């Protein structure tokens, strides 16, 4: 795209040839002008490098609750954690499930038959 733009000076032609919109051209243009072609090779990801994890104490408490009450599900454990913390949530139900999966204490429920199955 920028090779065509440098050769012709025509933004529209370079965008058509590269099959991108003008908005994309102007999005990348400052980076190209600053660092040339080398700056286009690396893309700065905005994804977090170290996602926020629950503290080890909370993870241990989740595992202890599951071991002492195996019939409790992820929602009940999350609610019990919040109840012990003045009803301020410490972990979401899905975080509780992830902790239990990592600890090997979570089995996926068996799938039920779909509604409208074969009539007998």
PDB file of N, CA and C in Angstrom:
ATOM      1  N   UNK A   1       0.832  -1.181   0.000  1.00  0.00           N
ATOM      2  CA  UNK A   1       0.000   0.000   0.000  1.00  0.00           C
ATOM      3  C   UNK A   1       0.880   1.250   0.000  1.00  0.00           C
ATOM      4  N   UNK A   2       1.889   1.278   0.882  1.00  0.00           N
ATOM      5  CA  UNK A   2       2.726   2.469   0.959  1.00  0.00           C
ATOM      6  C   UNK A   2       3.711   2.549  -0.200  1.00  0.00           C
ATOM      7  N   UNK A   3       4.057   1.407  -0.788  1.00  0.00           N
ATOM      8  CA  UNK A   3       4.911   1.441  -1.970  1.00  0.00           C
ATOM      9  C   UNK A   3       4.196   2.157  -3.119  1.00  0.00           C
ATOM     10  N   UNK A   4       2.927   1.825  -3.309  1.00  0.00           N
ATOM     11  CA  UNK A   4       2.136   2.474  -4.354  1.00  0.00           C
ATOM     12  C   UNK A   4       1.951   3.943  -4.041  1.00  0.00           C
ATOM     13  N   UNK A   5       1.724   4.258  -2.803  1.00  0.00           N
ATOM     14  CA  UNK A   5       1.515   5.648  -2.402  1.00  0.00           C
ATOM     15  C   UNK A   5       2.779   6.465  -2.634  1.00  0.00           C
ATOM     16  N   UNK A   6       3.945   5.885  -2.301  1.00  0.00           N
ATOM     17  CA  UNK A   6       5.201   6.601  -2.523  1.00  0.00           C
ATOM     18  C   UNK A   6       5.471   6.801  -4.017  1.00  0.00           C
ATOM     19  N   UNK A   7       5.116   5.798  -4.818  1.00  0.00           N
ATOM     20  CA  UNK A   7       5.373   5.884  -6.257  1.00  0.00           C
ATOM     21  C   UNK A   7       4.443   6.868  -6.949  1.00  0.00           C
ATOM     22  N   UNK A   8       3.157   6.867  -6.550  1.00  0.00           N
ATOM     23  CA  UNK A   8       2.175   7.688  -7.262  1.00  0.00           C
ATOM     24  C   UNK A   8       1.763   8.937  -6.503  1.00  0.00           C
ATOM     25  N   UNK A   9       1.843   8.892  -5.178  1.00  0.00           N
ATOM     26  CA  UNK A   9       1.356  10.011  -4.375  1.00  0.00           C
ATOM     27  C   UNK A   9      -0.158  10.038  -4.283  1.00  0.00           C
ATOM     28  N   UNK A  10      -0.818   8.993  -4.784  1.00  0.00           N
ATOM     29  CA  UNK A  10      -2.272   8.930  -4.834  1.00  0.00           C
ATOM     30  C   UNK A  10      -2.772   7.961  -3.769  1.00  0.00           C
ATOM     31  N   UNK A  11      -3.455   8.490  -2.755  1.00  0.00           N
ATOM     32  CA  UNK A  11      -3.963   7.668  -1.653  1.00  0.00           C
ATOM     33  C   UNK A  11      -5.041   6.714  -2.140  1.00  0.00           C
ATOM     34  N   UNK A  12      -5.949   7.210  -2.958  1.00  0.00           N
ATOM     35  CA  UNK A  12      -7.057   6.378  -3.443  1.00  0.00           C
ATOM     36  C   UNK A  12      -6.541   5.187  -4.238  1.00  0.00           C
ATOM     37  N   UNK A  13      -5.614   5.421  -5.116  1.00  0.00           N
ATOM     38  CA  UNK A  13      -5.070   4.338  -5.934  1.00  0.00           C
ATOM     39  C   UNK A  13      -4.348   3.294  -5.076  1.00  0.00           C
ATOM     40  N   UNK A  14      -3.578   3.749  -4.101  1.00  0.00           N
ATOM     41  CA  UNK A  14      -2.860   2.795  -3.245  1.00  0.00           C
ATOM     42  C   UNK A  14      -3.822   1.985  -2.384  1.00  0.00           C
ATOM     43  N   UNK A  15      -4.903   2.593  -1.944  1.00  0.00           N
ATOM     44  CA  UNK A  15      -5.901   1.867  -1.142  1.00  0.00           C
ATOM     45  C   UNK A  15      -6.643   0.844  -1.993  1.00  0.00           C
ATOM     46  N   UNK A  16      -6.986   1.211  -3.222  1.00  0.00           N
ATOM     47  CA  UNK A  16      -7.673   0.289  -4.116  1.00  0.00           C
ATOM     48  C   UNK A  16      -6.773  -0.898  -4.425  1.00  0.00           C
ATOM     49  N   UNK A  17      -5.510  -0.628  -4.717  1.00  0.00           N
ATOM     50  CA  UNK A  17      -4.579  -1.701  -5.046  1.00  0.00           C
ATOM     51  C   UNK A  17      -4.356  -2.633  -3.851  1.00  0.00           C
ATOM     52  N   UNK A  18      -4.302  -2.089  -2.639  1.00  0.00           N
ATOM     53  CA  UNK A  18      -4.073  -2.899  -1.435  1.00  0.00           C
ATOM     54  C   UNK A  18      -5.377  -3.476  -0.881  1.00  0.00           C
ATOM     55  N   UNK A  19      -6.512  -3.043  -1.444  1.00  0.00           N
ATOM     56  CA  UNK A  19      -7.840  -3.495  -1.004  1.00  0.00           C
ATOM     57  C   UNK A  19      -8.100  -3.176   0.475  1.00  0.00           C
ATOM     58  N   UNK A  20      -7.801  -1.929   0.831  1.00  0.00           N
ATOM     59  CA  UNK A  20      -8.100  -1.434   2.169  1.00  0.00           C
ATOM     60  C   UNK A  20      -8.796  -0.091   2.042  1.00  0.00           C
ATOM     61  N   UNK A  21      -9.459   0.315   3.096  1.00  0.00           N
ATOM     62  CA  UNK A  21     -10.135   1.595   3.097  1.00  0.00           C
ATOM     63  C   UNK A  21      -9.181   2.737   3.395  1.00  0.00           C
ATOM     64  N   UNK A  22      -9.599   3.932   3.049  1.00  0.00           N
ATOM     65  CA  UNK A  22      -8.782   5.117   3.315  1.00  0.00           C
ATOM     66  C   UNK A  22      -8.532   5.284   4.808  1.00  0.00           C
ATOM     67  N   UNK A  23      -9.502   4.903   5.596  1.00  0.00           N
ATOM     68  CA  UNK A  23      -9.364   5.011   7.051  1.00  0.00           C
ATOM     69  C   UNK A  23      -8.178   4.166   7.544  1.00  0.00           C
ATOM     70  N   UNK A  24      -8.017   2.969   6.969  1.00  0.00           N
ATOM     71  CA  UNK A  24      -6.899   2.107   7.329  1.00  0.00           C
ATOM     72  C   UNK A  24      -5.583   2.758   6.916  1.00  0.00           C
ATOM     73  N   UNK A  25      -5.566   3.343   5.733  1.00  0.00           N
ATOM     74  CA  UNK A  25      -4.356   4.032   5.268  1.00  0.00           C
ATOM     75  C   UNK A  25      -3.958   5.107   6.260  1.00  0.00           C
ATOM     76  N   UNK A  26      -4.887   5.966   6.638  1.00  0.00           N
ATOM     77  CA  UNK A  26      -4.555   7.071   7.527  1.00  0.00           C
ATOM     78  C   UNK A  26      -4.294   6.603   8.959  1.00  0.00           C
ATOM     79  N   UNK A  27      -4.774   5.420   9.302  1.00  0.00           N
ATOM     80  CA  UNK A  27      -4.469   4.850  10.612  1.00  0.00           C
ATOM     81  C   UNK A  27      -2.983   4.455  10.679  1.00  0.00           C
ATOM     82  N   UNK A  28      -2.462   3.861   9.602  1.00  0.00           N
ATOM     83  CA  UNK A  28      -1.087   3.371   9.575  1.00  0.00           C
ATOM     84  C   UNK A  28      -0.074   4.413   9.101  1.00  0.00           C
ATOM     85  N   UNK A  29      -0.528   5.471   8.472  1.00  0.00           N
ATOM     86  CA  UNK A  29       0.374   6.458   7.894  1.00  0.00           C
ATOM     87  C   UNK A  29       1.318   7.093   8.922  1.00  0.00           C
ATOM     88  N   UNK A  30       0.865   7.532  10.098  1.00  0.00           N
ATOM     89  CA  UNK A  30       1.809   8.126  11.060  1.00  0.00           C
ATOM     90  C   UNK A  30       2.917   7.164  11.475  1.00  0.00           C
ATOM     91  N   UNK A  31       2.584   5.906  11.641  1.00  0.00           N
ATOM     92  CA  UNK A  31       3.599   4.924  12.010  1.00  0.00           C
ATOM     93  C   UNK A  31       4.612   4.762  10.872  1.00  0.00           C
ATOM     94  N   UNK A  32       4.114   4.718   9.640  1.00  0.00           N
ATOM     95  CA  UNK A  32       4.998   4.573   8.492  1.00  0.00           C
ATOM     96  C   UNK A  32       5.911   5.784   8.358  1.00  0.00           C
ATOM     97  N   UNK A  33       5.361   6.978   8.510  1.00  0.00           N
ATOM     98  CA  UNK A  33       6.167   8.186   8.384  1.00  0.00           C
ATOM     99  C   UNK A  33       7.218   8.282   9.487  1.00  0.00           C
ATOM    100  N   UNK A  34       6.917   7.758  10.637  1.00  0.00           N
ATOM    101  CA  UNK A  34       7.848   7.827  11.761  1.00  0.00           C
ATOM    102  C   UNK A  34       8.984   6.807  11.638  1.00  0.00           C
ATOM    103  N   UNK A  35       8.639   5.563  11.257  1.00  0.00           N
ATOM    104  CA  UNK A  35       9.659   4.517  11.276  1.00  0.00           C
ATOM    105  C   UNK A  35       9.865   3.774   9.982  1.00  0.00           C
ATOM    106  N   UNK A  36       9.169   4.130   8.926  1.00  0.00           N
ATOM    107  CA  UNK A  36       9.344   3.455   7.653  1.00  0.00           C
ATOM    108  C   UNK A  36       8.726   2.066   7.645  1.00  0.00           C
ATOM    109  N   UNK A  37       9.202   1.231   6.729  1.00  0.00           N
ATOM    110  CA  UNK A  37       8.635  -0.105   6.561  1.00  0.00           C
ATOM    111  C   UNK A  37       8.894  -0.994   7.781  1.00  0.00           C
ATOM    112  N   UNK A  38      10.011  -0.781   8.457  1.00  0.00           N
ATOM    113  CA  UNK A  38      10.345  -1.608   9.625  1.00  0.00           C
ATOM    114  C   UNK A  38       9.312  -1.431  10.738  1.00  0.00           C
ATOM    115  N   UNK A  39       8.765  -0.243  10.864  1.00  0.00           N
ATOM    116  CA  UNK A  39       7.787  -0.006  11.929  1.00  0.00           C
ATOM    117  C   UNK A  39       6.458  -0.707  11.663  1.00  0.00           C
ATOM    118  N   UNK A  40       6.204  -1.091  10.416  1.00  0.00           N
ATOM    119  CA  UNK A  40       4.958  -1.776  10.078  1.00  0.00           C
ATOM    120  C   UNK A  40       5.040  -3.271  10.348  1.00  0.00           C
ATOM    121  N   UNK A  41       6.254  -3.800  10.521  1.00  0.00           N
ATOM    122  CA  UNK A  41       6.418  -5.237  10.732  1.00  0.00           C
ATOM    123  C   UNK A  41       5.965  -5.687  12.103  1.00  0.00           C
ATOM    124  N   UNK A  42       6.161  -4.864  13.117  1.00  0.00           N
ATOM    125  CA  UNK A  42       5.748  -5.237  14.473  1.00  0.00           C
ATOM    126  C   UNK A  42       4.460  -4.522  14.799  1.00  0.00           C
ATOM    127  N   UNK A  43       3.565  -5.266  15.362  1.00  0.00           N
ATOM    128  CA  UNK A  43       2.257  -4.712  15.729  1.00  0.00           C
ATOM    129  C   UNK A  43       2.164  -4.680  17.242  1.00  0.00           C
ATOM    130  N   UNK A  44       1.875  -3.544  17.807  1.00  0.00           N
ATOM    131  CA  UNK A  44       1.758  -3.398  19.250  1.00  0.00           C
ATOM    132  C   UNK A  44       0.386  -3.877  19.699  1.00  0.00           C
ATOM    133  N   UNK A  45       0.368  -5.006  20.345  1.00  0.00           N
ATOM    134  CA  UNK A  45      -0.894  -5.554  20.840  1.00  0.00           C
ATOM    135  C   UNK A  45      -1.324  -4.804  22.085  1.00  0.00           C
ATOM    136  N   UNK A  46      -2.620  -4.563  22.184  1.00  0.00           N
ATOM    137  CA  UNK A  46      -3.149  -3.898  23.376  1.00  0.00           C
ATOM    138  C   UNK A  46      -3.662  -4.913  24.395  1.00  0.00           C
ATOM    139  N   UNK A  47      -3.525  -6.181  24.073  1.00  0.00           N
ATOM    140  CA  UNK A  47      -3.999  -7.209  24.996  1.00  0.00           C
ATOM    141  C   UNK A  47      -3.123  -7.210  26.246  1.00  0.00           C
ATOM    142  N   UNK A  48      -3.718  -7.467  27.390  1.00  0.00           N
ATOM    143  CA  UNK A  48      -2.915  -7.470  28.618  1.00  0.00           C
ATOM    144  C   UNK A  48      -1.908  -8.617  28.601  1.00  0.00           C
ATOM    145  N   UNK A  49      -0.709  -8.323  29.034  1.00  0.00           N
ATOM    146  CA  UNK A  49       0.347  -9.337  29.047  1.00  0.00           C
ATOM    147  C   UNK A  49       0.195 -10.271  30.248  1.00  0.00           C
ATOM    148  N   UNK A  50      -0.253  -9.727  31.343  1.00  0.00           N
ATOM    149  CA  UNK A  50      -0.459 -10.516  32.551  1.00  0.00           C
ATOM    150  C   UNK A  50      -1.873 -10.261  33.053  1.00  0.00           C
ATOM    151  N   UNK A  51      -2.806 -11.098  32.643  1.00  0.00           N
ATOM    152  CA  UNK A  51      -4.177 -10.851  33.075  1.00  0.00           C
ATOM    153  C   UNK A  51      -4.292 -10.925  34.598  1.00  0.00           C
ATOM    154  N   UNK A  52      -5.239 -10.185  35.123  1.00  0.00           N
ATOM    155  CA  UNK A  52      -5.447 -10.137  36.565  1.00  0.00           C
ATOM    156  C   UNK A  52      -5.934 -11.499  37.040  1.00  0.00           C
ATOM    157  N   UNK A  53      -5.277 -12.006  38.059  1.00  0.00           N
ATOM    158  CA  UNK A  53      -5.649 -13.298  38.614  1.00  0.00           C
ATOM    159  C   UNK A  53      -6.137 -13.085  40.040  1.00  0.00           C
ATOM    160  N   UNK A  54      -6.928 -14.034  40.496  1.00  0.00           N
ATOM    161  CA  UNK A  54      -7.423 -14.019  41.872  1.00  0.00           C
ATOM    162  C   UNK A  54      -6.265 -14.373  42.793  1.00  0.00           C
ATOM    163  N   UNK A  55      -6.285 -13.834  43.994  1.00  0.00           N
ATOM    164  CA  UNK A  55      -5.207 -14.118  44.943  1.00  0.00           C
ATOM    165  C   UNK A  55      -5.202 -15.599  45.333  1.00  0.00           C
ATOM    166  N   UNK A  56      -4.051 -16.065  45.741  1.00  0.00           N
ATOM    167  CA  UNK A  56      -3.895 -17.469  46.146  1.00  0.00           C
ATOM    168  C   UNK A  56      -4.805 -17.808  47.326  1.00  0.00           C
ATOM    169  N   UNK A  57      -5.007 -16.852  48.225  1.00  0.00           N
ATOM    170  CA  UNK A  57      -5.860 -17.096  49.395  1.00  0.00           C
ATOM    171  C   UNK A  57      -7.293 -17.401  48.969  1.00  0.00           C
ATOM    172  N   UNK A  58      -7.796 -16.632  48.001  1.00  0.00           N
ATOM    173  CA  UNK A  58      -9.159 -16.855  47.518  1.00  0.00           C
ATOM    174  C   UNK A  58      -9.239 -18.194  46.790  1.00  0.00           C
ATOM    175  N   UNK A  59      -8.229 -18.508  45.981  1.00  0.00           N
ATOM    176  CA  UNK A  59      -8.216 -19.796  45.286  1.00  0.00           C
ATOM    177  C   UNK A  59      -8.242 -20.952  46.281  1.00  0.00           C
ATOM    178  N   UNK A  60      -7.441 -20.845  47.334  1.00  0.00           N
ATOM    179  CA  UNK A  60      -7.408 -21.898  48.350  1.00  0.00           C
ATOM    180  C   UNK A  60      -8.749 -22.012  49.068  1.00  0.00           C
ATOM    181  N   UNK A  61      -9.394 -20.876  49.307  1.00  0.00           N
ATOM    182  CA  UNK A  61     -10.697 -20.891  49.968  1.00  0.00           C
ATOM    183  C   UNK A  61     -11.756 -21.547  49.074  1.00  0.00           C
ATOM    184  N   UNK A  62     -11.707 -21.277  47.772  1.00  0.00           N
ATOM    185  CA  UNK A  62     -12.640 -21.900  46.826  1.00  0.00           C
ATOM    186  C   UNK A  62     -12.444 -23.413  46.835  1.00  0.00           C
ATOM    187  N   UNK A  63     -11.204 -23.844  46.771  1.00  0.00           N
ATOM    188  CA  UNK A  63     -10.905 -25.284  46.752  1.00  0.00           C
ATOM    189  C   UNK A  63     -11.344 -25.934  48.054  1.00  0.00           C
ATOM    190  N   UNK A  64     -11.113 -25.252  49.187  1.00  0.00           N
ATOM    191  CA  UNK A  64     -11.529 -25.805  50.483  1.00  0.00           C
ATOM    192  C   UNK A  64     -13.044 -25.921  50.571  1.00  0.00           C
ATOM    193  N   UNK A  65     -13.767 -24.923  50.066  1.00  0.00           N
ATOM    194  CA  UNK A  65     -15.232 -24.978  50.086  1.00  0.00           C
ATOM    195  C   UNK A  65     -15.730 -26.136  49.235  1.00  0.00           C
ATOM    196  N   UNK A  66     -15.133 -26.333  48.075  1.00  0.00           N
ATOM    197  CA  UNK A  66     -15.580 -27.412  47.187  1.00  0.00           C
ATOM    198  C   UNK A  66     -15.319 -28.779  47.821  1.00  0.00           C
ATOM    199  N   UNK A  67     -14.184 -28.919  48.493  1.00  0.00           N
ATOM    200  CA  UNK A  67     -13.861 -30.196  49.125  1.00  0.00           C
ATOM    201  C   UNK A  67     -14.773 -30.477  50.310  1.00  0.00           C
ATOM    202  N   UNK A  68     -15.135 -29.441  51.070  1.00  0.00           N
ATOM    203  CA  UNK A  68     -16.008 -29.670  52.216  1.00  0.00           C
ATOM    204  C   UNK A  68     -17.481 -29.758  51.817  1.00  0.00           C
ATOM    205  N   UNK A  69     -17.843 -29.188  50.668  1.00  0.00           N
ATOM    206  CA  UNK A  69     -19.228 -29.226  50.181  1.00  0.00           C
ATOM    207  C   UNK A  69     -19.228 -29.567  48.692  1.00  0.00           C
ATOM    208  N   UNK A  70     -19.014 -30.821  48.330  1.00  0.00           N
ATOM    209  CA  UNK A  70     -18.920 -31.180  46.904  1.00  0.00           C
ATOM    210  C   UNK A  70     -20.212 -30.957  46.123  1.00  0.00           C
ATOM    211  N   UNK A  71     -21.332 -30.825  46.807  1.00  0.00           N
ATOM    212  CA  UNK A  71     -22.602 -30.612  46.110  1.00  0.00           C
ATOM    213  C   UNK A  71     -22.804 -29.148  45.696  1.00  0.00           C
ATOM    214  N   UNK A  72     -21.997 -28.243  46.227  1.00  0.00           N
ATOM    215  CA  UNK A  72     -22.122 -26.835  45.874  1.00  0.00           C
ATOM    216  C   UNK A  72     -21.584 -26.600  44.468  1.00  0.00           C
ATOM    217  N   UNK A  73     -22.283 -25.751  43.741  1.00  0.00           N
ATOM    218  CA  UNK A  73     -21.857 -25.369  42.404  1.00  0.00           C
ATOM    219  C   UNK A  73     -21.091 -24.063  42.432  1.00  0.00           C
ATOM    220  N   UNK A  74     -20.776 -23.578  41.258  1.00  0.00           N
ATOM    221  CA  UNK A  74     -19.970 -22.367  41.158  1.00  0.00           C
ATOM    222  C   UNK A  74     -20.686 -21.131  41.707  1.00  0.00           C
ATOM    223  N   UNK A  75     -21.988 -21.043  41.507  1.00  0.00           N
ATOM    224  CA  UNK A  75     -22.736 -19.876  42.007  1.00  0.00           C
ATOM    225  C   UNK A  75     -22.801 -19.871  43.526  1.00  0.00           C
ATOM    226  N   UNK A  76     -23.037 -21.038  44.097  1.00  0.00           N
ATOM    227  CA  UNK A  76     -23.134 -21.123  45.553  1.00  0.00           C
ATOM    228  C   UNK A  76     -21.797 -20.778  46.201  1.00  0.00           C
ATOM    229  N   UNK A  77     -20.709 -21.279  45.641  1.00  0.00           N
ATOM    230  CA  UNK A  77     -19.393 -20.979  46.211  1.00  0.00           C
ATOM    231  C   UNK A  77     -19.089 -19.490  46.080  1.00  0.00           C
ATOM    232  N   UNK A  78     -19.407 -18.883  44.928  1.00  0.00           N
ATOM    233  CA  UNK A  78     -19.187 -17.445  44.744  1.00  0.00           C
ATOM    234  C   UNK A  78     -20.019 -16.645  45.735  1.00  0.00           C
ATOM    235  N   UNK A  79     -21.261 -17.079  45.972  1.00  0.00           N
ATOM    236  CA  UNK A  79     -22.119 -16.392  46.942  1.00  0.00           C
ATOM    237  C   UNK A  79     -21.587 -16.541  48.367  1.00  0.00           C
ATOM    238  N   UNK A  80     -21.097 -17.715  48.709  1.00  0.00           N
ATOM    239  CA  UNK A  80     -20.551 -17.930  50.052  1.00  0.00           C
ATOM    240  C   UNK A  80     -19.294 -17.084  50.273  1.00  0.00           C
ATOM    241  N   UNK A  81     -18.486 -16.944  49.246  1.00  0.00           N
ATOM    242  CA  UNK A  81     -17.318 -16.064  49.358  1.00  0.00           C
ATOM    243  C   UNK A  81     -17.749 -14.617  49.600  1.00  0.00           C
ATOM    244  N   UNK A  82     -18.740 -14.170  48.847  1.00  0.00           N
ATOM    245  CA  UNK A  82     -19.235 -12.800  48.996  1.00  0.00           C
ATOM    246  C   UNK A  82     -19.860 -12.609  50.372  1.00  0.00           C
ATOM    247  N   UNK A  83     -20.590 -13.616  50.837  1.00  0.00           N
ATOM    248  CA  UNK A  83     -21.238 -13.534  52.148  1.00  0.00           C
ATOM    249  C   UNK A  83     -20.202 -13.356  53.255  1.00  0.00           C
ATOM    250  N   UNK A  84     -19.076 -14.044  53.137  1.00  0.00           N
ATOM    251  CA  UNK A  84     -18.020 -13.912  54.130  1.00  0.00           C
ATOM    252  C   UNK A  84     -17.237 -12.620  53.998  1.00  0.00           C
ATOM    253  N   UNK A  85     -17.492 -11.858  52.950  1.00  0.00           N
ATOM    254  CA  UNK A  85     -16.787 -10.605  52.705  1.00  0.00           C
ATOM    255  C   UNK A  85     -17.770  -9.430  52.701  1.00  0.00           C
ATOM    256  N   UNK A  86     -18.752  -9.466  53.593  1.00  0.00           N
ATOM    257  CA  UNK A  86     -19.778  -8.416  53.710  1.00  0.00           C
ATOM    258  C   UNK A  86     -20.521  -8.212  52.402  1.00  0.00           C
ATOM    259  N   UNK A  87     -20.775  -9.287  51.688  1.00  0.00           N
ATOM    260  CA  UNK A  87     -21.503  -9.326  50.428  1.00  0.00           C
ATOM    261  C   UNK A  87     -20.814  -8.553  49.301  1.00  0.00           C
ATOM    262  N   UNK A  88     -19.509  -8.399  49.426  1.00  0.00           N
ATOM    263  CA  UNK A  88     -18.720  -7.828  48.331  1.00  0.00           C
ATOM    264  C   UNK A  88     -18.120  -9.009  47.574  1.00  0.00           C
ATOM    265  N   UNK A  89     -18.446  -9.175  46.286  1.00  0.00           N
ATOM    266  CA  UNK A  89     -17.960 -10.343  45.543  1.00  0.00           C
ATOM    267  C   UNK A  89     -16.438 -10.388  45.462  1.00  0.00           C
ATOM    268  N   UNK A  90     -15.890 -11.565  45.704  1.00  0.00           N
ATOM    269  CA  UNK A  90     -14.453 -11.787  45.568  1.00  0.00           C
ATOM    270  C   UNK A  90     -14.118 -12.479  44.261  1.00  0.00           C
ATOM    271  N   UNK A  91     -15.054 -13.282  43.760  1.00  0.00           N
ATOM    272  CA  UNK A  91     -14.829 -14.017  42.510  1.00  0.00           C
ATOM    273  C   UNK A  91     -16.173 -14.253  41.838  1.00  0.00           C
ATOM    274  N   UNK A  92     -16.171 -14.177  40.530  1.00  0.00           N
ATOM    275  CA  UNK A  92     -17.395 -14.460  39.781  1.00  0.00           C
ATOM    276  C   UNK A  92     -17.597 -15.972  39.720  1.00  0.00           C
ATOM    277  N   UNK A  93     -18.818 -16.415  39.436  1.00  0.00           N
ATOM    278  CA  UNK A  93     -19.040 -17.861  39.297  1.00  0.00           C
ATOM    279  C   UNK A  93     -18.140 -18.510  38.246  1.00  0.00           C
ATOM    280  N   UNK A  94     -17.882 -17.829  37.148  1.00  0.00           N
ATOM    281  CA  UNK A  94     -17.008 -18.407  36.121  1.00  0.00           C
ATOM    282  C   UNK A  94     -15.555 -18.469  36.581  1.00  0.00           C
ATOM    283  N   UNK A  95     -15.134 -17.528  37.415  1.00  0.00           N
ATOM    284  CA  UNK A  95     -13.788 -17.599  37.981  1.00  0.00           C
ATOM    285  C   UNK A  95     -13.694 -18.777  38.939  1.00  0.00           C
ATOM    286  N   UNK A  96     -14.759 -19.004  39.715  1.00  0.00           N
ATOM    287  CA  UNK A  96     -14.794 -20.166  40.612  1.00  0.00           C
ATOM    288  C   UNK A  96     -14.670 -21.441  39.778  1.00  0.00           C
ATOM    289  N   UNK A  97     -15.386 -21.521  38.668  1.00  0.00           N
ATOM    290  CA  UNK A  97     -15.313 -22.702  37.800  1.00  0.00           C
ATOM    291  C   UNK A  97     -13.893 -22.895  37.271  1.00  0.00           C
ATOM    292  N   UNK A  98     -13.235 -21.804  36.837  1.00  0.00           N
ATOM    293  CA  UNK A  98     -11.875 -21.903  36.327  1.00  0.00           C
ATOM    294  C   UNK A  98     -10.917 -22.406  37.410  1.00  0.00           C
ATOM    295  N   UNK A  99     -11.067 -21.901  38.630  1.00  0.00           N
ATOM    296  CA  UNK A  99     -10.217 -22.348  39.743  1.00  0.00           C
ATOM    297  C   UNK A  99     -10.417 -23.836  39.983  1.00  0.00           C
ATOM    298  N   UNK A 100     -11.674 -24.261  39.983  1.00  0.00           N
ATOM    299  CA  UNK A 100     -11.966 -25.672  40.224  1.00  0.00           C
ATOM    300  C   UNK A 100     -11.477 -26.550  39.071  1.00  0.00           C
ATOM    301  N   UNK A 101     -11.570 -26.057  37.845  1.00  0.00           N
ATOM    302  CA  UNK A 101     -11.053 -26.815  36.703  1.00  0.00           C
ATOM    303  C   UNK A 101      -9.539 -26.977  36.822  1.00  0.00           C
ATOM    304  N   UNK A 102      -8.851 -25.906  37.173  1.00  0.00           N
ATOM    305  CA  UNK A 102      -7.391 -25.967  37.317  1.00  0.00           C
ATOM    306  C   UNK A 102      -6.979 -26.933  38.416  1.00  0.00           C
ATOM    307  N   UNK A 103      -7.812 -27.050  39.451  1.00  0.00           N
ATOM    308  CA  UNK A 103      -7.511 -27.944  40.566  1.00  0.00           C
ATOM    309  C   UNK A 103      -7.998 -29.365  40.314  1.00  0.00           C
ATOM    310  N   UNK A 104      -8.697 -29.583  39.207  1.00  0.00           N
ATOM    311  CA  UNK A 104      -9.208 -30.913  38.886  1.00  0.00           C
ATOM    312  C   UNK A 104     -10.436 -31.293  39.695  1.00  0.00           C
ATOM    313  N   UNK A 105     -11.155 -30.288  40.181  1.00  0.00           N
ATOM    314  CA  UNK A 105     -12.335 -30.538  41.014  1.00  0.00           C
ATOM    315  C   UNK A 105     -13.637 -30.197  40.297  1.00  0.00           C
ATOM    316  N   UNK A 106     -13.597 -30.014  38.993  1.00  0.00           N
ATOM    317  CA  UNK A 106     -14.795 -29.618  38.251  1.00  0.00           C
ATOM    318  C   UNK A 106     -15.030 -30.603  37.115  1.00  0.00           C
ATOM    319  N   UNK A 107     -16.190 -31.219  37.114  1.00  0.00           N
ATOM    320  CA  UNK A 107     -16.580 -32.069  36.002  1.00  0.00           C
ATOM    321  C   UNK A 107     -17.708 -31.365  35.262  1.00  0.00           C
ATOM    322  N   UNK A 108     -17.593 -31.321  33.963  1.00  0.00           N
ATOM    323  CA  UNK A 108     -18.653 -30.719  33.154  1.00  0.00           C
ATOM    324  C   UNK A 108     -19.900 -31.578  33.288  1.00  0.00           C
ATOM    325  N   UNK A 109     -21.064 -30.958  33.463  1.00  0.00           N
ATOM    326  CA  UNK A 109     -22.288 -31.744  33.575  1.00  0.00           C
ATOM    327  C   UNK A 109     -22.567 -32.491  32.273  1.00  0.00           C
ATOM    328  N   UNK A 110     -23.145 -33.671  32.423  1.00  0.00           N
ATOM    329  CA  UNK A 110     -23.498 -34.439  31.237  1.00  0.00           C
ATOM    330  C   UNK A 110     -24.598 -33.700  30.487  1.00  0.00           C
ATOM    331  N   UNK A 111     -24.514 -33.726  29.188  1.00  0.00           N
ATOM    332  CA  UNK A 111     -25.510 -33.021  28.393  1.00  0.00           C
ATOM    333  C   UNK A 111     -26.824 -33.770  28.435  1.00  0.00           C
ATOM    334  N   UNK A 112     -27.876 -33.021  28.504  1.00  0.00           N
ATOM    335  CA  UNK A 112     -29.221 -33.610  28.531  1.00  0.00           C
ATOM    336  C   UNK A 112     -29.722 -33.770  27.100  1.00  0.00           C
ATOM    337  N   UNK A 113     -30.697 -34.605  26.929  1.00  0.00           N
ATOM    338  CA  UNK A 113     -31.296 -34.789  25.608  1.00  0.00           C
ATOM    339  C   UNK A 113     -31.975 -33.487  25.178  1.00  0.00           C
ATOM    340  N   UNK A 114     -31.914 -33.213  23.913  1.00  0.00           N
ATOM    341  CA  UNK A 114     -32.522 -32.002  23.390  1.00  0.00           C
ATOM    342  C   UNK A 114     -34.040 -32.131  23.414  1.00  0.00           C
ATOM    343  N   UNK A 115     -34.689 -31.001  23.536  1.00  0.00           N
ATOM    344  CA  UNK A 115     -36.144 -31.005  23.476  1.00  0.00           C
ATOM    345  C   UNK A 115     -36.580 -31.396  22.077  1.00  0.00           C
ATOM    346  N   UNK A 116     -37.693 -32.024  22.008  1.00  0.00           N
ATOM    347  CA  UNK A 116     -38.246 -32.400  20.713  1.00  0.00           C
ATOM    348  C   UNK A 116     -37.511 -33.567  20.082  1.00  0.00           C
ATOM    349  N   UNK A 117     -36.944 -34.419  20.939  1.00  0.00           N
ATOM    350  CA  UNK A 117     -36.226 -35.578  20.431  1.00  0.00           C
ATOM    351  C   UNK A 117     -37.178 -36.555  19.772  1.00  0.00           C
ATOM    352  N   UNK A 118     -36.693 -37.713  19.411  1.00  0.00           N
ATOM    353  CA  UNK A 118     -37.544 -38.687  18.726  1.00  0.00           C
ATOM    354  C   UNK A 118     -38.710 -39.143  19.601  1.00  0.00           C
ATOM    355  N   UNK A 119     -39.860 -39.241  18.992  1.00  0.00           N
ATOM    356  CA  UNK A 119     -41.049 -39.663  19.741  1.00  0.00           C
ATOM    357  C   UNK A 119     -41.081 -41.181  19.772  1.00  0.00           C
ATOM    358  N   UNK A 120     -41.456 -41.717  20.914  1.00  0.00           N
ATOM    359  CA  UNK A 120     -41.534 -43.173  21.053  1.00  0.00           C
ATOM    360  C   UNK A 120     -42.958 -43.658  21.137  1.00  0.00           C
TER     361      UNK A 120
END
